C-alpha atoms as a PDB file:
ATOM      1  CA  UNK A   1     -38.002 -54.629 134.296  1.00  0.00           C
ATOM      2  CA  UNK A   2     -41.658 -53.623 135.324  1.00  0.00           C
ATOM      3  CA  UNK A   3     -39.766 -51.306 138.109  1.00  0.00           C
ATOM      4  CA  UNK A   4     -37.552 -49.556 135.276  1.00  0.00           C
ATOM      5  CA  UNK A   5     -40.480 -48.735 133.234  1.00  0.00           C
ATOM      6  CA  UNK A   6     -42.564 -47.477 136.609  1.00  0.00           C
ATOM      7  CA  UNK A   7     -39.565 -44.959 137.050  1.00  0.00           C
ATOM      8  CA  UNK A   8     -39.062 -43.905 133.578  1.00  0.00           C
ATOM      9  CA  UNK A   9     -43.005 -43.302 133.592  1.00  0.00           C
ATOM     10  CA  UNK A  10     -42.907 -41.360 137.273  1.00  0.00           C
ATOM     11  CA  UNK A  11     -39.588 -39.277 135.431  1.00  0.00           C
ATOM     12  CA  UNK A  12     -41.767 -38.464 132.350  1.00  0.00           C
ATOM     13  CA  UNK A  13     -44.440 -37.286 134.466  1.00  0.00           C
ATOM     14  CA  UNK A  14     -42.382 -34.861 136.776  1.00  0.00           C
ATOM     15  CA  UNK A  15     -40.951 -33.152 133.738  1.00  0.00           C
ATOM     16  CA  UNK A  16     -44.378 -32.687 132.235  1.00  0.00           C
ATOM     17  CA  UNK A  17     -45.628 -31.013 135.378  1.00  0.00           C
ATOM     18  CA  UNK A  18     -42.402 -28.760 135.588  1.00  0.00           C
ATOM     19  CA  UNK A  19     -42.553 -27.696 132.040  1.00  0.00           C
ATOM     20  CA  UNK A  20     -46.066 -26.928 132.594  1.00  0.00           C
ATOM     21  CA  UNK A  21     -45.552 -24.877 135.458  1.00  0.00           C
ATOM     22  CA  UNK A  22     -42.726 -22.867 133.828  1.00  0.00           C
ATOM     23  CA  UNK A  23     -45.186 -22.341 131.112  1.00  0.00           C
ATOM     24  CA  UNK A  24     -47.804 -21.212 132.464  1.00  0.00           C
ATOM     25  CA  UNK A  25     -49.292 -17.844 132.447  1.00  0.00           C
ATOM     26  CA  UNK A  26     -48.702 -15.414 135.249  1.00  0.00           C
ATOM     27  CA  UNK A  27     -51.930 -15.138 136.758  1.00  0.00           C
ATOM     28  CA  UNK A  28     -51.648 -19.350 137.169  1.00  0.00           C
ATOM     29  CA  UNK A  29     -47.927 -19.071 138.020  1.00  0.00           C
ATOM     30  CA  UNK A  30     -48.857 -16.607 140.660  1.00  0.00           C
ATOM     31  CA  UNK A  31     -50.291 -19.568 142.977  1.00  0.00           C
ATOM     32  CA  UNK A  32     -47.546 -21.659 142.069  1.00  0.00           C
ATOM     33  CA  UNK A  33     -44.806 -19.156 143.150  1.00  0.00           C
ATOM     34  CA  UNK A  34     -46.554 -17.522 146.060  1.00  0.00           C
ATOM     35  CA  UNK A  35     -45.947 -20.534 148.810  1.00  0.00           C
ATOM     36  CA  UNK A  36     -43.045 -22.099 147.033  1.00  0.00           C
ATOM     37  CA  UNK A  37     -40.333 -19.984 145.463  1.00  0.00           C
ATOM     38  CA  UNK A  38     -37.551 -18.476 147.697  1.00  0.00           C
ATOM     39  CA  UNK A  39     -35.159 -15.462 146.893  1.00  0.00           C
ATOM     40  CA  UNK A  40     -31.926 -17.056 145.253  1.00  0.00           C
ATOM     41  CA  UNK A  41     -28.331 -15.644 145.962  1.00  0.00           C
ATOM     42  CA  UNK A  42     -27.315 -15.236 142.701  1.00  0.00           C
ATOM     43  CA  UNK A  43     -28.565 -14.935 139.354  1.00  0.00           C
ATOM     44  CA  UNK A  44     -26.837 -15.596 135.635  1.00  0.00           C
ATOM     45  CA  UNK A  45     -27.947 -12.502 133.087  1.00  0.00           C
ATOM     46  CA  UNK A  46     -26.690 -14.459 129.956  1.00  0.00           C
ATOM     47  CA  UNK A  47     -24.332 -13.068 127.375  1.00  0.00           C
ATOM     48  CA  UNK A  48     -20.936 -11.895 128.624  1.00  0.00           C
ATOM     49  CA  UNK A  49     -22.257 -10.400 131.887  1.00  0.00           C
ATOM     50  CA  UNK A  50     -20.876 -12.065 135.143  1.00  0.00           C
ATOM     51  CA  UNK A  51     -23.284 -13.507 137.767  1.00  0.00           C
ATOM     52  CA  UNK A  52     -24.853 -10.762 139.811  1.00  0.00           C
ATOM     53  CA  UNK A  53     -26.381 -10.771 143.059  1.00  0.00           C
ATOM     54  CA  UNK A  54     -29.765 -10.380 143.574  1.00  0.00           C
ATOM     55  CA  UNK A  55     -30.850  -6.607 145.082  1.00  0.00           C
ATOM     56  CA  UNK A  56     -31.772  -6.602 148.465  1.00  0.00           C
ATOM     57  CA  UNK A  57     -35.660  -6.565 148.572  1.00  0.00           C
ATOM     58  CA  UNK A  58     -37.448  -3.134 147.963  1.00  0.00           C
ATOM     59  CA  UNK A  59     -39.452  -1.870 150.795  1.00  0.00           C
ATOM     60  CA  UNK A  60     -41.448   1.035 151.512  1.00  0.00           C
ATOM     61  CA  UNK A  61     -44.789   2.046 153.031  1.00  0.00           C
ATOM     62  CA  UNK A  62     -46.453  -0.287 150.073  1.00  0.00           C
ATOM     63  CA  UNK A  63     -44.663  -3.370 151.535  1.00  0.00           C
ATOM     64  CA  UNK A  64     -41.772  -5.470 150.413  1.00  0.00           C
ATOM     65  CA  UNK A  65     -41.080  -6.539 146.645  1.00  0.00           C
ATOM     66  CA  UNK A  66     -38.730  -9.477 146.522  1.00  0.00           C
ATOM     67  CA  UNK A  67     -36.945 -10.336 143.125  1.00  0.00           C
ATOM     68  CA  UNK A  68     -37.098 -14.423 143.103  1.00  0.00           C
ATOM     69  CA  UNK A  69     -35.689 -15.100 139.841  1.00  0.00           C
ATOM     70  CA  UNK A  70     -34.386 -13.399 136.687  1.00  0.00           C
ATOM     71  CA  UNK A  71     -33.513 -14.889 133.014  1.00  0.00           C
ATOM     72  CA  UNK A  72     -32.283 -13.129 129.664  1.00  0.00           C
ATOM     73  CA  UNK A  73     -35.023 -13.596 126.994  1.00  0.00           C
ATOM     74  CA  UNK A  74     -32.993 -11.594 124.429  1.00  0.00           C
ATOM     75  CA  UNK A  75     -29.486 -10.125 124.335  1.00  0.00           C
ATOM     76  CA  UNK A  76     -28.062  -7.789 121.668  1.00  0.00           C
ATOM     77  CA  UNK A  77     -27.445  -4.164 121.969  1.00  0.00           C
ATOM     78  CA  UNK A  78     -30.666  -3.892 124.613  1.00  0.00           C
ATOM     79  CA  UNK A  79     -31.321  -6.573 127.013  1.00  0.00           C
ATOM     80  CA  UNK A  80     -34.908  -8.005 127.897  1.00  0.00           C
ATOM     81  CA  UNK A  81     -35.222  -9.701 131.039  1.00  0.00           C
ATOM     82  CA  UNK A  82     -37.899 -11.629 132.657  1.00  0.00           C
ATOM     83  CA  UNK A  83     -37.887 -10.784 136.360  1.00  0.00           C
ATOM     84  CA  UNK A  84     -39.992 -12.647 138.761  1.00  0.00           C
ATOM     85  CA  UNK A  85     -41.151 -10.634 141.767  1.00  0.00           C
ATOM     86  CA  UNK A  86     -42.986 -11.406 144.934  1.00  0.00           C
ATOM     87  CA  UNK A  87     -45.604  -8.943 145.734  1.00  0.00           C
ATOM     88  CA  UNK A  88     -46.220  -7.805 149.067  1.00  0.00           C
ATOM     89  CA  UNK A  89     -49.864  -9.372 149.104  1.00  0.00           C
ATOM     90  CA  UNK A  90     -47.919 -12.966 148.121  1.00  0.00           C
ATOM     91  CA  UNK A  91     -48.421 -13.112 144.745  1.00  0.00           C
ATOM     92  CA  UNK A  92     -45.570 -14.044 142.246  1.00  0.00           C
ATOM     93  CA  UNK A  93     -45.819 -11.609 138.754  1.00  0.00           C
ATOM     94  CA  UNK A  94     -43.278 -11.956 136.010  1.00  0.00           C
ATOM     95  CA  UNK A  95     -42.202  -8.401 134.395  1.00  0.00           C
ATOM     96  CA  UNK A  96     -40.294  -7.870 130.991  1.00  0.00           C
ATOM     97  CA  UNK A  97     -37.510  -5.444 132.169  1.00  0.00           C
ATOM     98  CA  UNK A  98     -35.141  -3.759 129.318  1.00  0.00           C
ATOM     99  CA  UNK A  99     -31.530  -3.019 130.009  1.00  0.00           C
ATOM    100  CA  UNK A 100     -28.692  -1.891 128.186  1.00  0.00           C
ATOM    101  CA  UNK A 101     -25.666  -4.389 127.277  1.00  0.00           C
ATOM    102  CA  UNK A 102     -22.127  -3.056 128.428  1.00  0.00           C
ATOM    103  CA  UNK A 103     -23.322   0.024 130.462  1.00  0.00           C
ATOM    104  CA  UNK A 104     -23.405   1.393 133.592  1.00  0.00           C
ATOM    105  CA  UNK A 105     -26.326   3.956 132.850  1.00  0.00           C
ATOM    106  CA  UNK A 106     -26.528   6.911 130.778  1.00  0.00           C
ATOM    107  CA  UNK A 107     -25.393  10.574 130.752  1.00  0.00           C
ATOM    108  CA  UNK A 108     -27.540  13.511 129.257  1.00  0.00           C
ATOM    109  CA  UNK A 109     -26.071  17.161 128.847  1.00  0.00           C
ATOM    110  CA  UNK A 110     -28.183  20.428 128.311  1.00  0.00           C
ATOM    111  CA  UNK A 111     -25.846  22.803 126.794  1.00  0.00           C
ATOM    112  CA  UNK A 112     -26.036  26.904 127.523  1.00  0.00           C
ATOM    113  CA  UNK A 113     -24.520  29.646 125.842  1.00  0.00           C
ATOM    114  CA  UNK A 114     -24.857  32.500 128.347  1.00  0.00           C
ATOM    115  CA  UNK A 115     -23.616  35.299 126.309  1.00  0.00           C
ATOM    116  CA  UNK A 116     -26.513  34.634 123.777  1.00  0.00           C
ATOM    117  CA  UNK A 117     -28.973  32.964 126.106  1.00  0.00           C
ATOM    118  CA  UNK A 118     -29.416  29.994 123.825  1.00  0.00           C
ATOM    119  CA  UNK A 119     -28.845  26.108 124.034  1.00  0.00           C
ATOM    120  CA  UNK A 120     -27.539  23.983 121.384  1.00  0.00           C
ATOM    121  CA  UNK A 121     -29.402  20.735 120.524  1.00  0.00           C
ATOM    122  CA  UNK A 122     -29.343  18.132 118.407  1.00  0.00           C
ATOM    123  CA  UNK A 123     -32.045  16.490 115.758  1.00  0.00           C
ATOM    124  CA  UNK A 124     -31.977  12.717 114.913  1.00  0.00           C
ATOM    125  CA  UNK A 125     -33.839   9.904 113.831  1.00  0.00           C
ATOM    126  CA  UNK A 126     -35.413   8.283 116.959  1.00  0.00           C
ATOM    127  CA  UNK A 127     -36.371   4.454 115.831  1.00  0.00           C
ATOM    128  CA  UNK A 128     -38.456   3.593 118.494  1.00  0.00           C
ATOM    129  CA  UNK A 129     -41.218   6.085 117.471  1.00  0.00           C
ATOM    130  CA  UNK A 130     -39.910   6.126 113.990  1.00  0.00           C
ATOM    131  CA  UNK A 131     -39.359  10.035 113.900  1.00  0.00           C
ATOM    132  CA  UNK A 132     -36.645  12.809 113.671  1.00  0.00           C
ATOM    133  CA  UNK A 133     -36.564  14.621 117.008  1.00  0.00           C
ATOM    134  CA  UNK A 134     -35.007  17.199 118.903  1.00  0.00           C
ATOM    135  CA  UNK A 135     -32.995  16.266 121.611  1.00  0.00           C
ATOM    136  CA  UNK A 136     -29.693  17.126 123.852  1.00  0.00           C
ATOM    137  CA  UNK A 137     -26.507  15.185 123.602  1.00  0.00           C
ATOM    138  CA  UNK A 138     -26.450  12.136 125.490  1.00  0.00           C
ATOM    139  CA  UNK A 139     -24.836   8.591 125.735  1.00  0.00           C
ATOM    140  CA  UNK A 140     -24.107   5.636 127.607  1.00  0.00           C
ATOM    141  CA  UNK A 141     -21.792   5.362 130.567  1.00  0.00           C
ATOM    142  CA  UNK A 142     -19.227   2.390 129.366  1.00  0.00           C
ATOM    143  CA  UNK A 143     -16.936   1.118 132.190  1.00  0.00           C
ATOM    144  CA  UNK A 144     -14.449   0.106 129.837  1.00  0.00           C
ATOM    145  CA  UNK A 145     -14.239   3.690 128.181  1.00  0.00           C
ATOM    146  CA  UNK A 146     -15.183   6.109 131.415  1.00  0.00           C
ATOM    147  CA  UNK A 147     -14.293   6.711 134.862  1.00  0.00           C
ATOM    148  CA  UNK A 148     -17.455   8.363 135.795  1.00  0.00           C
ATOM    149  CA  UNK A 149     -20.480   9.676 134.362  1.00  0.00           C
ATOM    150  CA  UNK A 150     -19.001  13.117 133.852  1.00  0.00           C
ATOM    151  CA  UNK A 151     -16.193  11.532 131.811  1.00  0.00           C
ATOM    152  CA  UNK A 152     -19.213  10.128 129.566  1.00  0.00           C
ATOM    153  CA  UNK A 153     -21.073  13.226 129.268  1.00  0.00           C
ATOM    154  CA  UNK A 154     -18.051  15.199 128.272  1.00  0.00           C
ATOM    155  CA  UNK A 155     -17.202  12.877 125.674  1.00  0.00           C
ATOM    156  CA  UNK A 156     -21.090  12.453 124.308  1.00  0.00           C
ATOM    157  CA  UNK A 157     -20.655  16.438 124.169  1.00  0.00           C
ATOM    158  CA  UNK A 158     -17.869  16.416 122.042  1.00  0.00           C
ATOM    159  CA  UNK A 159     -18.828  13.918 120.045  1.00  0.00           C
ATOM    160  CA  UNK A 160     -22.584  14.958 119.368  1.00  0.00           C
ATOM    161  CA  UNK A 161     -22.665  18.805 119.363  1.00  0.00           C
ATOM    162  CA  UNK A 162     -19.134  19.602 118.974  1.00  0.00           C
ATOM    163  CA  UNK A 163     -18.686  21.302 122.050  1.00  0.00           C
ATOM    164  CA  UNK A 164     -15.891  21.064 125.210  1.00  0.00           C
ATOM    165  CA  UNK A 165     -15.061  22.510 128.431  1.00  0.00           C
ATOM    166  CA  UNK A 166     -17.266  24.994 130.580  1.00  0.00           C
ATOM    167  CA  UNK A 167     -19.029  25.348 133.629  1.00  0.00           C
ATOM    168  CA  UNK A 168     -20.840  21.872 134.732  1.00  0.00           C
ATOM    169  CA  UNK A 169     -23.394  21.214 137.169  1.00  0.00           C
ATOM    170  CA  UNK A 170     -25.181  18.069 137.737  1.00  0.00           C
ATOM    171  CA  UNK A 171     -29.104  18.313 137.728  1.00  0.00           C
ATOM    172  CA  UNK A 172     -30.204  15.772 140.127  1.00  0.00           C
ATOM    173  CA  UNK A 173     -28.646  14.487 143.644  1.00  0.00           C
ATOM    174  CA  UNK A 174     -28.936  11.170 142.546  1.00  0.00           C
ATOM    175  CA  UNK A 175     -29.375   9.202 139.157  1.00  0.00           C
ATOM    176  CA  UNK A 176     -33.283   8.685 137.862  1.00  0.00           C
ATOM    177  CA  UNK A 177     -34.553   5.699 136.341  1.00  0.00           C
ATOM    178  CA  UNK A 178     -35.151   5.847 133.022  1.00  0.00           C
ATOM    179  CA  UNK A 179     -38.585   4.283 132.806  1.00  0.00           C
ATOM    180  CA  UNK A 180     -40.824   2.253 134.971  1.00  0.00           C
ATOM    181  CA  UNK A 181     -39.474  -1.195 132.946  1.00  0.00           C
ATOM    182  CA  UNK A 182     -35.945  -0.145 132.644  1.00  0.00           C
ATOM    183  CA  UNK A 183     -32.782  -0.567 134.593  1.00  0.00           C
ATOM    184  CA  UNK A 184     -30.795   2.272 132.751  1.00  0.00           C
ATOM    185  CA  UNK A 185     -30.117   5.182 135.412  1.00  0.00           C
ATOM    186  CA  UNK A 186     -29.915   8.786 133.600  1.00  0.00           C
ATOM    187  CA  UNK A 187     -27.442  11.338 134.856  1.00  0.00           C
ATOM    188  CA  UNK A 188     -28.588  14.775 134.023  1.00  0.00           C
ATOM    189  CA  UNK A 189     -26.070  17.516 133.222  1.00  0.00           C
ATOM    190  CA  UNK A 190     -26.144  21.105 132.685  1.00  0.00           C
ATOM    191  CA  UNK A 191     -23.058  22.767 131.049  1.00  0.00           C
ATOM    192  CA  UNK A 192     -22.388  26.805 130.515  1.00  0.00           C
ATOM    193  CA  UNK A 193     -20.215  28.194 128.037  1.00  0.00           C
ATOM    194  CA  UNK A 194     -18.657  25.044 126.486  1.00  0.00           C
ATOM    195  CA  UNK A 195     -16.535  26.102 123.482  1.00  0.00           C
ATOM    196  CA  UNK A 196     -16.641  24.605 119.904  1.00  0.00           C
ATOM    197  CA  UNK A 197     -13.940  21.768 119.446  1.00  0.00           C
ATOM    198  CA  UNK A 198     -11.899  22.034 115.819  1.00  0.00           C
ATOM    199  CA  UNK A 199     -11.816  18.214 115.577  1.00  0.00           C
ATOM    200  CA  UNK A 200     -14.428  16.342 117.689  1.00  0.00           C
ATOM    201  CA  UNK A 201     -15.154  12.849 118.019  1.00  0.00           C
ATOM    202  CA  UNK A 202     -16.513  10.897 115.419  1.00  0.00           C
ATOM    203  CA  UNK A 203     -20.285   9.896 115.955  1.00  0.00           C
ATOM    204  CA  UNK A 204     -21.041   6.064 116.400  1.00  0.00           C
ATOM    205  CA  UNK A 205     -22.065   4.395 113.240  1.00  0.00           C
ATOM    206  CA  UNK A 206     -25.945   4.180 113.928  1.00  0.00           C
ATOM    207  CA  UNK A 207     -25.871   8.235 114.500  1.00  0.00           C
ATOM    208  CA  UNK A 208     -26.492  10.873 112.000  1.00  0.00           C
ATOM    209  CA  UNK A 209     -27.168  13.923 113.725  1.00  0.00           C
ATOM    210  CA  UNK A 210     -28.036  17.544 112.759  1.00  0.00           C
ATOM    211  CA  UNK A 211     -26.609  20.263 115.224  1.00  0.00           C
ATOM    212  CA  UNK A 212     -28.864  22.859 115.963  1.00  0.00           C
ATOM    213  CA  UNK A 213     -27.495  25.819 117.587  1.00  0.00           C
ATOM    214  CA  UNK A 214     -28.739  29.346 119.347  1.00  0.00           C
ATOM    215  CA  UNK A 215     -32.138  27.470 120.369  1.00  0.00           C
ATOM    216  CA  UNK A 216     -34.211  29.957 122.378  1.00  0.00           C
ATOM    217  CA  UNK A 217     -35.953  29.132 125.652  1.00  0.00           C
ATOM    218  CA  UNK A 218     -39.180  29.654 124.247  1.00  0.00           C
ATOM    219  CA  UNK A 219     -38.508  27.305 121.254  1.00  0.00           C
ATOM    220  CA  UNK A 220     -37.753  24.575 123.656  1.00  0.00           C
ATOM    221  CA  UNK A 221     -40.705  24.847 125.867  1.00  0.00           C
ATOM    222  CA  UNK A 222     -42.430  24.902 122.220  1.00  0.00           C
ATOM    223  CA  UNK A 223     -40.877  21.856 120.726  1.00  0.00           C
ATOM    224  CA  UNK A 224     -41.813  20.277 124.111  1.00  0.00           C
ATOM    225  CA  UNK A 225     -45.280  20.844 124.103  1.00  0.00           C
ATOM    226  CA  UNK A 226     -45.729  19.898 120.334  1.00  0.00           C
ATOM    227  CA  UNK A 227     -44.136  16.513 121.122  1.00  0.00           C
ATOM    228  CA  UNK A 228     -40.723  17.326 119.086  1.00  0.00           C
ATOM    229  CA  UNK A 229     -38.451  16.005 121.631  1.00  0.00           C
ATOM    230  CA  UNK A 230     -38.342  12.502 123.506  1.00  0.00           C
ATOM    231  CA  UNK A 231     -39.271  12.272 127.347  1.00  0.00           C
ATOM    232  CA  UNK A 232     -35.891  12.285 128.594  1.00  0.00           C
ATOM    233  CA  UNK A 233     -34.610  14.901 126.535  1.00  0.00           C
ATOM    234  CA  UNK A 234     -37.753  16.960 127.942  1.00  0.00           C
ATOM    235  CA  UNK A 235     -37.057  16.299 131.206  1.00  0.00           C
ATOM    236  CA  UNK A 236     -33.323  17.315 131.103  1.00  0.00           C
ATOM    237  CA  UNK A 237     -34.012  20.287 129.060  1.00  0.00           C
ATOM    238  CA  UNK A 238     -36.653  21.755 131.767  1.00  0.00           C
ATOM    239  CA  UNK A 239     -34.060  20.570 134.766  1.00  0.00           C
ATOM    240  CA  UNK A 240     -31.520  22.682 133.006  1.00  0.00           C
ATOM    241  CA  UNK A 241     -33.612  25.666 132.414  1.00  0.00           C
ATOM    242  CA  UNK A 242     -34.763  25.277 136.080  1.00  0.00           C
ATOM    243  CA  UNK A 243     -31.053  25.502 137.223  1.00  0.00           C
ATOM    244  CA  UNK A 244     -30.460  28.497 134.885  1.00  0.00           C
ATOM    245  CA  UNK A 245     -33.322  30.455 136.942  1.00  0.00           C
ATOM    246  CA  UNK A 246     -31.659  29.246 139.914  1.00  0.00           C
ATOM    247  CA  UNK A 247     -28.152  30.780 138.873  1.00  0.00           C
ATOM    248  CA  UNK A 248     -29.899  33.931 137.630  1.00  0.00           C
ATOM    249  CA  UNK A 249     -29.187  33.207 133.861  1.00  0.00           C
ATOM    250  CA  UNK A 250     -32.678  33.551 132.509  1.00  0.00           C
END
């Protein structure tokens, strides 16, 4: 009986230690993790996602960053991950990282009319800043709907600003990270002389978009300077204008 009680006590003590270690703030967890945690082969990301292999450690002149653990803190339309990373100095730090459920990145399109030398933009409600801002046609790359980023871009162009066809240019050599703490990669495109669509694809339920035609280069630059466009839209618009200068369009 004494042995049973002793075993029970030791088991409870072990569970308490593990609970405290998991709940400790990152500054305390660094000391725990820097010598004991090892990279693991697979992580379960939660929701409907399949387990995914941990990426190879990220190395540069700064050193090597190894993802040790990842868990889902919240999963709805957006996914919030807690990612545990070993830094080059040995410290282990946890980060909150935002992902997009069911998406393989996003596409954004700068639409240009070579006859009028103007762009077609859109204006819509942005729930993050709680403002109505101007922007470009953009949307997610969904594996069950789109075979590649350009197909996603074509769908969004038709859906959001009612245009199709035209001459397409991808604006970067590879997709860019949307943000330091986001997993979404952005594919940016320029389309020249896309034509109006009589019966465009319907908008998504959460979208309410006003189409802005004949927007001049000066107006676009003013929107960006005055905070009338979000960062991703501004970036893609400036890339589009740079490409147009390269092509001799402006």
